[in-house]
Amino acid sequence: MVKSPDGLPYPYEQASWDYGRRSVPVEGVVLHMAEGCEVVGYLMQRPGEEPRAERILRGVSATFAVQPSGRVVQMLRLDHVSGSLNPRDVRRSDDPDGFWGRRWTRFFSPDFLTGMANHRTISIEVGGRCCDGWACDGEAHGPGPNDAQVAAVTDLAEVLRERYRRPIGFIGHRDAADYKSCPGRGPGIRAILAAVGHGREDA
């Protein structure tokens, strides 16, 4: 397997959808639950294979994928843009209790709301389901990331913050999209937010 082109401690598999180089600096990391187990196999382009991009729903891709085992795979270069958020429909409201919402994305540059959401974020897609129990390889899990994935995402967030050496925020998909429950509110999500923070790192 190919090593990370950015020198990170993760293997690399090229995602089918790569939206090219970023035109603005990264300001945050956005977390997603994939609603399925085999994230890498779904998002990747295998050498010699017929292009799969047209078969991947809505042009979705991610910078990193975290498998149920906790294994992290990089899928796009850090300086390239993923298709993890809908840049034409970015949330400007908060949940009634404020758990998710615009309050946590205020630190982004204003263009986050006007087409640059994917340029401003590094995306992490976690295998599993946000709001329902799920099973993979015969092992049952509760909603959200399991313990191995919590540890992996927490470590990855710190690796990225060390790489950028400046404040990098951490948000969930629902912070930017009120029509999504992803990544949920399960114990794993709460553990990740408790470890890495929610919103701007220095806030």
Foldseek 3Di string as FASTA:
>chain_A
DDPAPVPDRAAEFAFLFWAFFFPDEAAAAAEWEDAAAPPDVLGGDDPPDDRCQVVRPPSFDAQWEQGLQLHIYGHDHPRIFGDHADLQQWFPAADPVRPAAQVQVVPDDPCSNVRCVRSHYHYYYYYDAQQAWDDDPRRIDGHAHDPSNLVSVLVVLVVVCVVVVDKYAYAYRCHTPVVDCTNDDDPSVVSNCVRQNGHINVD
